[in-house]
Amino acid sequence: ALGDADWLVRLYAVEALARMGPAAAAAAPELEALAAAGDDEPARLAAGYALERIRARRAGGAGGPGEAAKAGEATGAGGAAQARESR
């Protein structure tokens, strides 16, 4: 799904991986590639956010909504992922 042609499918896939936290560590290489791609800004920012969530939790961070917001602010991520997290 991360390589899907539809940007919305990519975005939802990235958000699901962010919610999984360290359990999604196997997807990190694909997320890193997506975060480095310059042609899809929403998915790129969301991928950076997901990587922060995966790494923060793996490093022993709380990984709760407050941590997610901090991680999103650090990567510049915003939009749907953080809006859903704040509910």
Protein backbone atom coordinates (compact mmCIF):
# COMPACT_ATOMS: atom_id res chain seq x y z
CA ALA A 1 0.00 0.00 0.00
CA LEU A 2 2.95 2.37 0.58
CA GLY A 3 3.74 2.16 -3.13
CA ASP A 4 0.14 2.51 -4.32
CA ALA A 5 -0.52 4.99 -7.10
CA ASP A 6 -3.32 6.61 -5.08
CA TRP A 7 -1.94 9.18 -2.63
CA LEU A 8 -4.83 8.63 -0.23
CA VAL A 9 -4.10 4.89 -0.01
CA ARG A 10 -0.45 5.71 0.77
CA LEU A 11 -1.50 8.21 3.43
CA TYR A 12 -3.87 5.77 5.16
CA ALA A 13 -1.22 3.03 5.06
CA VAL A 14 1.34 5.34 6.67
CA GLU A 15 -1.14 6.39 9.37
CA ALA A 16 -1.89 2.75 10.18
CA LEU A 17 1.82 2.02 10.52
CA ALA A 18 2.23 5.05 12.80
CA ARG A 19 -0.48 3.70 15.09
CA MET A 20 1.28 0.31 15.20
CA GLY A 21 4.42 1.86 16.64
CA PRO A 22 7.41 -0.49 16.98
CA ALA A 23 5.41 -3.40 15.57
CA ALA A 24 5.77 -1.63 12.21
CA ALA A 25 9.57 -1.51 12.40
CA ALA A 26 9.85 -3.86 9.41
CA ALA A 27 8.25 -1.15 7.27
CA ALA A 28 10.89 1.44 8.28
CA PRO A 29 12.95 1.13 5.06
CA GLU A 30 9.86 1.78 2.92
CA LEU A 31 8.79 4.63 5.18
CA GLU A 32 12.27 6.16 4.93
CA ALA A 33 12.11 5.97 1.13
CA LEU A 34 8.67 7.57 1.15
CA ALA A 35 9.86 10.29 3.56
CA ALA A 36 12.74 11.09 1.20
CA ALA A 37 10.53 11.30 -1.90
CA GLY A 38 9.90 14.88 -2.90
CA ASP A 39 6.86 14.39 -5.12
CA ASP A 40 4.21 13.52 -2.50
CA GLU A 41 4.31 15.99 0.38
CA PRO A 42 1.39 14.66 2.48
CA ALA A 43 2.67 11.08 2.39
CA ARG A 44 6.26 12.27 2.87
CA LEU A 45 5.39 14.21 6.01
CA ALA A 46 3.20 11.40 7.33
CA ALA A 47 6.03 8.90 6.74
CA GLY A 48 8.37 11.06 8.82
CA TYR A 49 5.72 11.18 11.54
CA ALA A 50 5.30 7.39 11.43
CA LEU A 51 9.04 6.86 11.70
CA GLU A 52 9.17 9.12 14.75
CA ARG A 53 6.34 7.14 16.38
CA ILE A 54 8.05 3.83 15.63
CA ARG A 55 11.41 5.02 16.91
CA ALA A 56 10.07 6.89 19.96
CA ARG A 57 8.21 3.89 21.26
CA ARG A 58 11.06 1.52 20.46
CA ALA A 59 13.45 3.79 22.39
CA GLY A 60 11.24 3.56 25.46
CA GLY A 61 9.13 6.67 24.97
CA ALA A 62 5.57 6.67 26.18
CA GLY A 63 4.25 6.78 22.64
CA GLY A 64 0.92 8.23 23.74
CA PRO A 65 -0.92 11.07 22.04
CA GLY A 66 1.36 13.66 23.67
CA GLU A 67 4.42 11.90 22.34
CA ALA A 68 2.81 11.64 18.92
CA ALA A 69 2.19 15.36 18.83
CA LYS A 70 5.78 16.06 19.85
CA ALA A 71 7.04 13.68 17.16
CA GLY A 72 4.79 15.30 14.56
CA GLU A 73 6.02 18.75 15.53
CA ALA A 74 9.62 17.57 15.27
CA THR A 75 9.08 16.28 11.74
CA GLY A 76 6.75 19.03 10.63
CA ALA A 77 4.01 16.45 10.09
CA GLY A 78 0.47 17.55 10.48
CA GLY A 79 -2.90 16.99 9.00
CA ALA A 80 -5.06 13.96 9.34
CA ALA A 81 -2.72 11.82 11.41
CA GLN A 82 -2.41 14.34 14.23
CA ALA A 83 -6.05 15.35 14.01
CA ARG A 84 -7.10 11.75 14.56
CA GLU A 85 -4.61 11.31 17.40
CA SER A 86 -5.95 14.32 19.26
CA ARG A 87 -9.53 12.98 19.37
